[in-house]
Amino acid sequence: MARFVSMDNSYVRQLPEFCVVSQPMSVSQPRLLQFNDSLADELGWSESDANRLGRIFSGQEMLPEMQPVAQAYAGHQFGNFVPQLGDGRALLLGEVIDVNGQRRDIALKGSGPTAFSRGGDGKAAVGPVLREYLVGEAMHALGIPTTRALAAVATGDSVMRMNRLPGAMLTRVAASHIRIGTFQYFAARGRFDLVRKLADYTIHRHDSELVEHPNRYLLLLQNVIQRQAALVAKWMLAGFIHGVMNTDNMTISGETIDYGPCAFMESYHPGTVFSSIDTGGRYAYGNQPAIAHWNLARFAETLLPLINEEDPQSAIEPATAELEKFGQLYQQHWLGGALTKLGLSPELVRQDDQVEALVIDWFDLLERNQVDLTLAWRRLADAVGGNEAKLSALFHSKEEVDPWLQRWRRWLPDSPLTEIAEQMRNVNPVYIARNHLVEEALTAASDQADLGPFCELLDRVRNPFVEQPDQQRFAEPASNEFNRCYRTFCGT
């Protein structure tokens, strides 16, 4: 019998007020498109029959332990508060205790309408499903905390958007689906008894060392701030743009979630926006740290009556003190990560403040010359050994980059240059989910039912640090014409 090593429903059991029982829609011809074998191994999944996997991960066959529910949450969308959002096209099936003893959610996406659909059909198309699968795997391979896809299943039915598209479902695995918006749901209704219930569950699940601590709610805020500072710093160093950083898309666990209008930046510019719905640039690349801080302030507001039940106003000062640490925490993660990518020790920051200027000047140089961010980092490894031609070719002229290179070399450690170069290649990818390649792969899968380009790109982004001489096209940026016109969409 197909089974997980262990499956539970603690969210439904302990937080029934935060979910609504719902069933996946019926589909005509479920067919497995992709199955994540390595993730399945982590979960202890033992079934390998593609037909049965297709039925299970399209919701057509429920295992005995599965209790599908739509989760409730609110959220600030582009700064505007919406008191009821919730899973309009997703269902939590249950939780798995993986082979490492970690509790992880298993959820369907595109599984049909729920009580939170707000008039939507609750469906998903092949393109957006495969996008989330692909980008999630790319992020995981880059070492960026993320939800991941376990399976993608074609439904055999059509989905109407701008035109008729082939339908699909995604199975998403997450440390949990608890969001800032989950806390906002009952905080907005003044039901802080239920907010406390959620906070206690969250602490037990994600910060169990705080369970008995008298200041556990303030420390929960502190931990979430630390996780988000580290996460967004990793986004920024990879050139990742989430595209829709609403509070309902920000997890308490510190994982990246909801790959809608996301994209990877090529030519470095802080103002880069790809999302078609972000007309004001609220969620532009360079705004992401500030937006994370703003979202965390909204989270802190939900915790004030828990931090001090007798006088919530007096909780503002300690909560604000924690929020004010975000900037410094983010800067530490960002600067330390940048130094590592430059082949330098993060400890240099404590020895000489000039090293921070070196990093800032590097990014200024990239912006002035409109240099591809990913290739710039990668070609620095070539420059370590004296081969600066590949790096210099990315800039307007060799003279542009030479003065900075001379400064950088003075900071390099006293180690063999080949060793430094290898260390840099281990943290600076040559392959990312470049936007034009993603679109080519998704178009082939959606329009021609051809998964070949998708599988080829998936293989590259799962091995981002190992350069293959015969795979050069996967490392090359898109044309200027493509980048000028490129826009991403929510996929709903």
Protein backbone atom coordinates (compact mmCIF):
# COMPACT_ATOMS: atom_id res chain seq x y z
CA MET A 1 0.00 0.00 0.00
CA ALA A 2 1.23 3.48 -0.81
CA ARG A 3 2.08 5.35 2.34
CA PHE A 4 4.11 8.07 3.97
CA VAL A 5 6.36 7.06 6.84
CA SER A 6 3.98 8.94 9.12
CA MET A 7 1.08 11.30 8.53
CA ASP A 8 -0.77 13.55 10.94
CA ASN A 9 -3.31 16.37 10.97
CA SER A 10 -2.20 18.49 13.91
CA TYR A 11 -3.27 21.75 12.23
CA VAL A 12 -6.85 20.55 11.75
CA ARG A 13 -6.95 18.95 15.19
CA GLN A 14 -5.54 21.89 17.14
CA LEU A 15 -6.70 24.85 15.03
CA PRO A 16 -10.14 23.95 13.63
CA GLU A 17 -11.15 27.64 13.64
CA PHE A 18 -8.41 28.36 11.09
CA CYS A 19 -9.61 26.00 8.36
CA VAL A 20 -12.68 24.75 6.53
CA VAL A 21 -13.15 21.13 5.50
CA SER A 22 -13.20 20.88 1.72
CA GLN A 23 -12.78 18.24 -0.97
CA PRO A 24 -10.70 18.38 -4.15
CA MET A 25 -12.63 18.72 -7.38
CA SER A 26 -13.11 15.74 -9.67
CA VAL A 27 -10.94 15.67 -12.77
CA SER A 28 -11.33 13.63 -15.94
CA GLN A 29 -7.89 12.20 -16.68
CA PRO A 30 -5.22 12.70 -14.01
CA ARG A 31 -1.76 12.09 -15.41
CA LEU A 32 1.53 12.46 -13.56
CA LEU A 33 3.75 15.07 -15.25
CA GLN A 34 6.58 15.26 -12.72
CA PHE A 35 7.41 13.52 -9.48
CA ASN A 36 10.18 14.74 -7.20
CA ASP A 37 11.98 11.53 -6.28
CA SER A 38 14.60 13.14 -4.04
CA LEU A 39 11.94 15.00 -2.04
CA ALA A 40 9.85 11.83 -1.88
CA ASP A 41 12.83 10.05 -0.32
CA GLU A 42 13.04 12.77 2.34
CA LEU A 43 9.36 12.28 3.13
CA GLY A 44 9.56 8.49 3.18
CA TRP A 45 7.10 8.12 0.30
CA SER A 46 7.11 4.52 -0.90
CA GLU A 47 4.77 4.43 -3.90
CA SER A 48 6.28 4.47 -7.39
CA ASP A 49 3.33 3.62 -9.62
CA ALA A 50 2.77 6.67 -11.83
CA ASN A 51 -0.95 6.04 -12.30
CA ARG A 52 -1.61 5.87 -8.58
CA LEU A 53 0.59 8.88 -7.91
CA GLY A 54 -1.44 10.79 -10.48
CA ARG A 55 -4.69 9.88 -8.71
CA ILE A 56 -3.39 10.73 -5.24
CA PHE A 57 -1.80 14.02 -6.20
CA SER A 58 -4.83 15.19 -8.11
CA GLY A 59 -7.01 14.52 -5.08
CA GLN A 60 -8.88 11.68 -6.75
CA GLU A 61 -7.70 9.14 -4.21
CA MET A 62 -7.48 10.04 -0.55
CA LEU A 63 -5.20 8.04 1.70
CA PRO A 64 -6.84 7.13 5.03
CA GLU A 65 -4.86 9.72 7.00
CA MET A 66 -5.63 12.64 4.68
CA GLN A 67 -8.08 15.29 5.91
CA PRO A 68 -8.28 18.03 3.24
CA VAL A 69 -8.99 21.54 4.48
CA ALA A 70 -8.73 25.06 3.11
CA GLN A 71 -6.74 27.27 5.46
CA ALA A 72 -8.02 30.67 6.54
CA TYR A 73 -5.90 33.81 6.49
CA ALA A 74 -6.14 37.53 5.88
CA GLY A 75 -3.48 39.82 4.45
CA HIS A 76 -2.22 43.13 3.25
CA GLN A 77 -2.24 43.03 -0.55
CA PHE A 78 -0.12 45.83 -2.02
CA GLY A 79 -0.51 47.60 1.33
CA ASN A 80 -4.30 47.29 1.50
CA PHE A 81 -5.76 45.07 4.20
CA VAL A 82 -8.19 42.34 3.18
CA PRO A 83 -9.72 40.66 6.26
CA GLN A 84 -10.55 37.37 4.52
CA LEU A 85 -8.42 35.70 1.86
CA GLY A 86 -7.65 32.05 2.59
CA ASP A 87 -6.94 29.09 0.34
CA GLY A 88 -9.07 29.83 -2.69
CA ARG A 89 -7.53 27.05 -4.75
CA ALA A 90 -5.45 25.02 -2.33
CA LEU A 91 -6.04 22.29 0.23
CA LEU A 92 -3.89 21.09 3.09
CA LEU A 93 -4.01 17.29 2.97
CA GLY A 94 -2.07 16.71 6.18
CA GLU A 95 1.42 16.59 7.60
CA VAL A 96 4.28 14.19 7.19
CA ILE A 97 7.01 13.45 9.69
CA ASP A 98 9.96 13.15 7.34
CA VAL A 99 13.00 10.90 7.69
CA ASN A 100 14.75 13.63 9.70
CA GLY A 101 11.90 13.88 12.18
CA GLN A 102 10.66 17.21 10.81
CA ARG A 103 6.93 17.93 10.41
CA ARG A 104 6.08 19.09 6.89
CA ASP A 105 2.80 20.06 5.24
CA ILE A 106 1.49 18.31 2.13
CA ALA A 107 -0.91 20.51 0.17
CA LEU A 108 -2.61 20.54 -3.21
CA LYS A 109 -2.72 23.68 -5.32
CA GLY A 110 -5.22 24.10 -8.15
CA SER A 111 -7.58 21.59 -6.53
CA GLY A 112 -10.81 23.49 -7.14
CA PRO A 113 -13.01 26.07 -5.39
CA THR A 114 -13.23 26.39 -1.62
CA ALA A 115 -15.11 28.59 0.82
CA PHE A 116 -12.36 31.20 0.25
CA SER A 117 -12.40 31.27 -3.56
CA ARG A 118 -14.18 34.64 -3.80
CA GLY A 119 -15.76 33.74 -7.13
CA GLY A 120 -12.66 32.08 -8.60
CA ASP A 121 -12.67 28.61 -10.13
CA GLY A 122 -9.89 27.32 -7.85
CA LYS A 123 -8.06 25.74 -10.76
CA ALA A 124 -4.51 26.02 -12.07
CA ALA A 125 -2.96 25.65 -15.50
CA VAL A 126 0.06 23.59 -16.53
CA GLY A 127 2.30 26.65 -17.01
CA PRO A 128 2.02 28.17 -13.50
CA VAL A 129 2.19 24.72 -11.88
CA LEU A 130 5.42 23.86 -13.66
CA ARG A 131 6.81 27.34 -12.97
CA GLU A 132 6.42 26.81 -9.23
CA TYR A 133 7.93 23.34 -9.51
CA LEU A 134 10.92 24.63 -11.48
CA VAL A 135 11.68 27.80 -9.53
CA GLY A 136 11.22 26.08 -6.18
CA GLU A 137 13.79 23.45 -7.16
CA ALA A 138 16.15 26.17 -8.42
CA MET A 139 15.89 28.02 -5.12
CA HIS A 140 16.45 24.83 -3.13
CA ALA A 141 19.57 24.04 -5.14
CA LEU A 142 20.86 27.56 -4.45
CA GLY A 143 20.46 26.98 -0.70
CA ILE A 144 17.55 29.42 -0.33
CA PRO A 145 14.81 28.25 2.10
CA THR A 146 11.74 27.39 0.07
CA THR A 147 8.60 25.36 -0.24
CA ARG A 148 9.05 22.60 -2.81
CA ALA A 149 6.92 20.68 -5.28
CA LEU A 150 6.45 16.96 -4.76
CA ALA A 151 4.33 16.36 -7.85
CA ALA A 152 2.74 18.02 -10.86
CA VAL A 153 -0.31 16.32 -12.34
CA ALA A 154 -2.24 17.14 -15.51
CA THR A 155 -5.99 17.02 -14.91
CA GLY A 156 -7.12 16.32 -18.46
CA ASP A 157 -9.47 19.32 -18.19
CA SER A 158 -9.23 22.84 -19.51
CA VAL A 159 -8.85 26.06 -17.54
CA MET A 160 -10.19 29.34 -18.89
CA ARG A 161 -7.97 32.36 -18.44
CA MET A 162 -7.29 34.75 -21.31
CA ASN A 163 -7.78 31.63 -23.42
CA ARG A 164 -8.27 27.91 -22.90
CA LEU A 165 -5.30 26.23 -21.16
CA PRO A 166 -4.55 22.68 -20.05
CA GLY A 167 -5.27 22.21 -16.34
CA ALA A 168 -2.93 20.86 -13.68
CA MET A 169 -2.41 20.49 -9.93
CA LEU A 170 0.71 20.97 -7.85
CA THR A 171 1.54 19.16 -4.62
CA ARG A 172 3.47 21.55 -2.38
CA VAL A 173 5.59 20.60 0.61
CA ALA A 174 6.28 23.22 3.28
CA ALA A 175 7.65 23.41 6.80
CA SER A 176 4.17 24.84 7.36
CA HIS A 177 1.73 27.11 5.56
CA ILE A 178 1.40 29.47 8.53
CA ARG A 179 1.69 33.02 7.25
CA ILE A 180 1.70 36.49 8.73
CA GLY A 181 -1.77 36.68 7.22
CA THR A 182 -2.83 33.67 9.29
CA PHE A 183 -2.17 35.70 12.43
CA GLN A 184 -3.94 38.69 10.94
CA TYR A 185 -7.12 36.68 10.31
CA PHE A 186 -8.36 36.58 13.90
CA ALA A 187 -6.38 39.59 15.12
CA ALA A 188 -8.52 41.68 12.77
CA ARG A 189 -11.61 40.20 14.45
CA GLY A 190 -10.35 40.95 17.94
CA ARG A 191 -10.19 37.24 18.77
CA PHE A 192 -6.82 37.27 20.48
CA ASP A 193 -7.70 34.08 22.31
CA LEU A 194 -7.45 32.38 18.92
CA VAL A 195 -4.34 34.34 17.96
CA ARG A 196 -2.77 33.00 21.16
CA LYS A 197 -3.86 29.49 20.21
CA LEU A 198 -2.20 29.91 16.80
CA ALA A 199 0.94 31.38 18.35
CA ASP A 200 1.26 28.48 20.80
CA TYR A 201 0.86 25.98 17.95
CA THR A 202 3.42 27.88 15.86
CA ILE A 203 5.94 27.99 18.69
CA HIS A 204 5.55 24.29 19.37
CA ARG A 205 6.06 23.54 15.67
CA HIS A 206 8.81 25.98 14.69
CA ASP A 207 10.40 27.25 17.90
CA SER A 208 9.90 24.47 20.42
CA GLU A 209 12.70 25.76 22.64
CA LEU A 210 10.40 28.66 23.55
CA VAL A 211 7.42 26.59 24.72
CA GLU A 212 7.98 27.22 28.42
CA HIS A 213 9.61 30.63 28.13
CA PRO A 214 7.69 33.43 29.92
CA ASN A 215 8.43 35.86 27.03
CA ARG A 216 7.80 33.34 24.28
CA TYR A 217 5.62 35.59 22.12
CA LEU A 218 8.20 38.35 21.99
CA LEU A 219 10.87 35.76 21.26
CA LEU A 220 8.70 34.30 18.51
CA LEU A 221 8.68 37.74 16.91
CA GLN A 222 12.46 37.91 17.31
CA ASN A 223 12.95 34.53 15.63
CA VAL A 224 10.66 35.33 12.72
CA ILE A 225 12.50 38.62 12.17
CA GLN A 226 15.82 36.76 12.12
CA ARG A 227 14.54 34.15 9.66
CA GLN A 228 13.12 36.71 7.29
CA ALA A 229 16.26 38.88 7.40
CA ALA A 230 18.34 35.86 6.41
CA LEU A 231 15.88 34.81 3.70
CA VAL A 232 15.58 38.17 1.97
CA ALA A 233 19.36 38.63 2.04
CA LYS A 234 19.66 35.36 0.11
CA TRP A 235 17.03 36.55 -2.37
CA MET A 236 18.93 39.75 -2.97
CA LEU A 237 22.28 38.06 -3.51
CA ALA A 238 20.73 35.66 -6.02
CA GLY A 239 18.86 38.42 -7.87
CA PHE A 240 15.49 36.84 -7.05
CA ILE A 241 12.37 39.00 -7.21
CA HIS A 242 9.34 37.52 -5.46
CA GLY A 243 6.96 39.89 -7.17
CA VAL A 244 4.08 39.85 -4.68
CA MET A 245 5.30 40.20 -1.08
CA ASN A 246 1.86 40.51 0.48
CA THR A 247 1.61 39.51 4.13
CA ASP A 248 -0.28 36.37 3.14
CA ASN A 249 2.78 35.35 1.10
CA MET A 250 5.25 35.60 3.98
CA THR A 251 5.77 32.49 6.09
CA ILE A 252 6.52 32.25 9.78
CA SER A 253 8.96 29.42 9.02
CA GLY A 254 11.17 31.64 6.85
CA GLU A 255 10.56 29.70 3.62
CA THR A 256 9.89 31.30 0.26
CA ILE A 257 6.28 30.62 -0.73
CA ASP A 258 3.92 31.33 -3.65
CA TYR A 259 5.90 31.54 -6.87
CA GLY A 260 3.49 33.65 -8.87
CA PRO A 261 4.95 36.64 -10.73
CA CYS A 262 8.48 35.79 -9.59
CA ALA A 263 11.62 36.14 -11.72
CA PHE A 264 15.40 36.30 -11.59
CA MET A 265 17.01 39.61 -12.46
CA GLU A 266 19.66 39.60 -15.17
CA SER A 267 21.17 43.08 -15.68
CA TYR A 268 21.63 44.47 -12.20
CA HIS A 269 19.32 47.34 -11.31
CA PRO A 270 17.60 47.87 -7.93
CA GLY A 271 14.43 49.17 -9.58
CA THR A 272 13.78 46.00 -11.55
CA VAL A 273 10.13 44.88 -11.63
CA PHE A 274 8.69 42.07 -13.74
CA SER A 275 5.22 41.58 -12.25
CA SER A 276 2.40 42.83 -14.46
CA ILE A 277 0.31 43.74 -11.40
CA ASP A 278 3.04 45.70 -9.60
CA THR A 279 2.50 48.86 -11.61
CA GLY A 280 3.87 51.11 -8.85
CA GLY A 281 7.00 49.08 -8.20
CA ARG A 282 6.09 48.38 -4.56
CA TYR A 283 7.76 44.97 -4.76
CA ALA A 284 10.71 45.93 -6.94
CA TYR A 285 13.96 44.07 -6.31
CA GLY A 286 15.51 46.90 -4.29
CA ASN A 287 12.40 47.37 -2.14
CA GLN A 288 12.26 43.80 -0.86
CA PRO A 289 14.15 44.34 2.44
CA ALA A 290 11.98 47.35 3.34
CA ILE A 291 8.79 45.47 2.46
CA ALA A 292 9.85 42.52 4.61
CA HIS A 293 10.36 44.95 7.49
CA TRP A 294 6.92 46.49 6.88
CA ASN A 295 5.31 43.05 6.82
CA LEU A 296 7.04 42.08 10.04
CA ALA A 297 5.61 45.19 11.69
CA ARG A 298 2.15 43.93 10.75
CA PHE A 299 3.01 40.59 12.36
CA ALA A 300 4.18 42.37 15.52
CA GLU A 301 0.83 44.17 15.75
CA THR A 302 -0.98 40.84 16.00
CA LEU A 303 1.22 39.78 18.92
CA LEU A 304 0.94 42.88 21.13
CA PRO A 305 -1.98 41.56 23.24
CA LEU A 306 -0.05 38.32 23.72
CA ILE A 307 3.24 39.95 24.66
CA ASN A 308 1.45 41.87 27.40
CA GLU A 309 -2.12 40.71 27.97
CA GLU A 310 -2.88 43.25 30.69
CA ASP A 311 -1.54 46.28 28.82
CA PRO A 312 -0.98 45.68 25.07
CA GLN A 313 0.14 49.29 24.63
CA SER A 314 3.17 48.65 26.80
CA ALA A 315 4.16 45.84 24.43
CA ILE A 316 4.76 48.34 21.64
CA GLU A 317 8.15 49.39 22.97
CA PRO A 318 9.77 45.92 23.21
CA ALA A 319 8.18 44.84 19.91
CA THR A 320 9.47 47.98 18.21
CA ALA A 321 12.93 47.34 19.64
CA GLU A 322 12.92 43.91 17.99
CA LEU A 323 11.70 45.33 14.68
CA GLU A 324 14.46 47.92 14.72
CA LYS A 325 17.01 45.10 14.69
CA PHE A 326 15.83 43.91 11.28
CA GLY A 327 17.97 46.35 9.30
CA GLN A 328 21.16 45.38 11.06
CA LEU A 329 20.36 41.66 10.85
CA TYR A 330 19.60 41.92 7.16
CA GLN A 331 22.78 43.90 6.53
CA GLN A 332 24.86 41.31 8.38
CA HIS A 333 23.42 38.46 6.33
CA TRP A 334 23.66 40.36 3.07
CA LEU A 335 27.18 41.65 3.60
CA GLY A 336 28.46 38.33 4.95
CA GLY A 337 26.94 36.50 1.99
CA ALA A 338 28.37 39.00 -0.49
CA LEU A 339 31.86 38.66 0.98
CA THR A 340 31.64 34.88 0.74
CA LYS A 341 30.63 35.19 -2.92
CA LEU A 342 33.63 37.49 -3.43
CA GLY A 343 35.95 34.85 -2.02
CA LEU A 344 36.53 36.85 1.14
CA SER A 345 35.95 36.08 4.80
CA PRO A 346 32.85 37.62 6.41
CA GLU A 347 35.07 38.28 9.44
CA LEU A 348 36.76 41.07 7.48
CA VAL A 349 33.81 43.31 8.33
CA ARG A 350 34.95 43.41 11.94
CA GLN A 351 38.53 44.22 10.98
CA ASP A 352 38.09 47.07 8.52
CA ASP A 353 35.00 49.02 7.51
CA GLN A 354 36.54 49.60 4.07
CA VAL A 355 35.54 46.09 3.08
CA GLU A 356 31.88 47.14 3.13
CA ALA A 357 32.72 49.94 0.70
CA LEU A 358 34.32 47.34 -1.57
CA VAL A 359 31.04 45.41 -1.70
CA ILE A 360 28.90 48.50 -2.25
CA ASP A 361 31.21 49.69 -5.02
CA TRP A 362 30.92 46.27 -6.68
CA PHE A 363 27.15 46.62 -6.93
CA ASP A 364 27.46 50.23 -8.11
CA LEU A 365 29.82 49.02 -10.82
CA LEU A 366 27.35 46.36 -11.92
CA GLU A 367 24.52 48.88 -12.07
CA ARG A 368 26.46 51.48 -14.04
CA ASN A 369 27.51 48.90 -16.60
CA GLN A 370 24.21 46.99 -16.69
CA VAL A 371 26.04 43.76 -15.99
CA ASP A 372 24.37 40.38 -15.62
CA LEU A 373 24.40 39.71 -11.87
CA THR A 374 24.79 35.93 -12.03
CA LEU A 375 27.59 35.94 -14.60
CA ALA A 376 29.43 38.75 -12.80
CA TRP A 377 29.73 36.69 -9.62
CA ARG A 378 30.70 33.59 -11.57
CA ARG A 379 33.36 35.26 -13.72
CA LEU A 380 35.06 36.66 -10.63
CA ALA A 381 36.17 33.11 -9.91
CA ASP A 382 37.95 33.08 -13.28
CA ALA A 383 39.54 36.42 -12.46
CA VAL A 384 41.08 35.03 -9.26
CA GLY A 385 43.60 33.06 -11.31
CA GLY A 386 44.38 36.01 -13.54
CA ASN A 387 41.95 35.20 -16.35
CA GLU A 388 40.03 38.47 -16.31
CA ALA A 389 38.91 38.42 -19.94
CA LYS A 390 35.52 36.77 -19.30
CA LEU A 391 34.77 39.21 -16.50
CA SER A 392 35.96 42.31 -18.33
CA ALA A 393 33.85 41.37 -21.34
CA LEU A 394 30.73 41.91 -19.24
CA PHE A 395 31.57 45.60 -18.69
CA HIS A 396 31.63 48.59 -21.02
CA SER A 397 35.41 48.50 -20.93
CA LYS A 398 38.27 46.85 -19.10
CA GLU A 399 39.15 50.21 -17.57
CA GLU A 400 35.76 50.30 -15.85
CA VAL A 401 36.44 47.23 -13.73
CA ASP A 402 40.25 47.24 -13.33
CA PRO A 403 40.50 49.69 -10.40
CA TRP A 404 37.95 47.73 -8.42
CA LEU A 405 39.70 44.43 -9.20
CA GLN A 406 42.97 45.81 -7.87
CA ARG A 407 41.29 46.75 -4.58
CA TRP A 408 39.58 43.34 -4.37
CA ARG A 409 42.81 41.42 -4.88
CA ARG A 410 44.35 43.12 -1.86
CA TRP A 411 41.64 41.55 0.32
CA LEU A 412 41.97 38.00 -0.99
CA PRO A 413 43.13 35.46 1.63
CA ASP A 414 46.61 34.03 1.65
CA SER A 415 45.51 30.73 0.10
CA PRO A 416 46.21 29.01 -3.23
CA LEU A 417 44.32 30.87 -5.95
CA THR A 418 42.90 27.64 -7.35
CA GLU A 419 41.41 26.91 -3.92
CA ILE A 420 39.83 30.37 -3.67
CA ALA A 421 38.41 30.05 -7.18
CA GLU A 422 36.88 26.66 -6.37
CA GLN A 423 35.29 28.00 -3.19
CA MET A 424 33.78 30.86 -5.18
CA ARG A 425 32.36 28.52 -7.81
CA ASN A 426 30.69 26.55 -5.04
CA VAL A 427 28.63 29.60 -4.01
CA ASN A 428 28.24 31.46 -7.31
CA PRO A 429 25.93 29.60 -9.70
CA VAL A 430 26.44 29.49 -13.42
CA TYR A 431 22.85 28.34 -14.01
CA ILE A 432 19.68 29.96 -12.69
CA ALA A 433 16.07 29.76 -13.87
CA ARG A 434 16.55 32.44 -16.49
CA ASN A 435 13.28 33.98 -17.55
CA HIS A 436 13.49 33.32 -21.28
CA LEU A 437 14.39 29.67 -20.69
CA VAL A 438 11.54 29.28 -18.19
CA GLU A 439 9.07 30.72 -20.69
CA GLU A 440 10.37 28.47 -23.49
CA ALA A 441 9.99 25.41 -21.27
CA LEU A 442 6.51 26.33 -20.05
CA THR A 443 5.26 27.19 -23.54
CA ALA A 444 6.44 23.84 -24.87
CA ALA A 445 4.79 22.00 -21.99
CA SER A 446 1.52 23.92 -22.22
CA ASP A 447 1.12 24.32 -25.98
CA GLN A 448 2.76 21.15 -27.31
CA ALA A 449 2.59 18.85 -24.26
CA ASP A 450 6.38 18.61 -24.66
CA LEU A 451 8.16 18.28 -21.32
CA GLY A 452 11.60 17.90 -22.87
CA PRO A 453 12.69 21.56 -22.50
CA PHE A 454 11.28 21.65 -18.96
CA CYS A 455 13.18 18.53 -17.88
CA GLU A 456 16.38 19.79 -19.46
CA LEU A 457 16.15 23.14 -17.67
CA LEU A 458 15.15 21.44 -14.42
CA ASP A 459 18.30 19.33 -14.58
CA ARG A 460 20.46 22.43 -15.07
CA VAL A 461 18.96 24.46 -12.20
CA ARG A 462 19.21 21.47 -9.87
CA ASN A 463 22.96 21.51 -10.49
CA PRO A 464 23.62 25.25 -10.60
CA PHE A 465 27.30 25.31 -9.62
CA VAL A 466 28.75 22.72 -12.03
CA GLU A 467 29.55 24.29 -15.39
CA GLN A 468 28.96 22.10 -18.44
CA PRO A 469 30.86 23.32 -21.52
CA ASP A 470 28.19 21.93 -23.88
CA GLN A 471 25.36 23.66 -21.99
CA GLN A 472 26.44 27.25 -22.51
CA ARG A 473 23.02 28.44 -23.67
CA PHE A 474 21.63 27.82 -20.17
CA ALA A 475 24.10 30.36 -18.78
CA GLU A 476 23.48 33.10 -21.32
CA PRO A 477 21.22 36.08 -20.61
CA ALA A 478 18.15 36.83 -22.67
CA SER A 479 18.23 39.37 -25.46
CA ASN A 480 17.73 43.02 -24.58
CA GLU A 481 14.49 42.94 -26.54
CA PHE A 482 13.13 40.07 -24.43
CA ASN A 483 14.08 41.77 -21.17
CA ARG A 484 12.50 45.07 -22.17
CA CYS A 485 9.14 43.41 -22.81
CA TYR A 486 9.14 40.62 -20.24
CA ARG A 487 6.33 40.57 -17.69
CA THR A 488 5.25 37.90 -15.23
CA PHE A 489 1.75 37.07 -14.09
CA CYS A 490 0.12 35.62 -10.97
CA GLY A 491 -0.98 32.46 -12.72
CA THR A 492 -4.38 32.48 -11.07
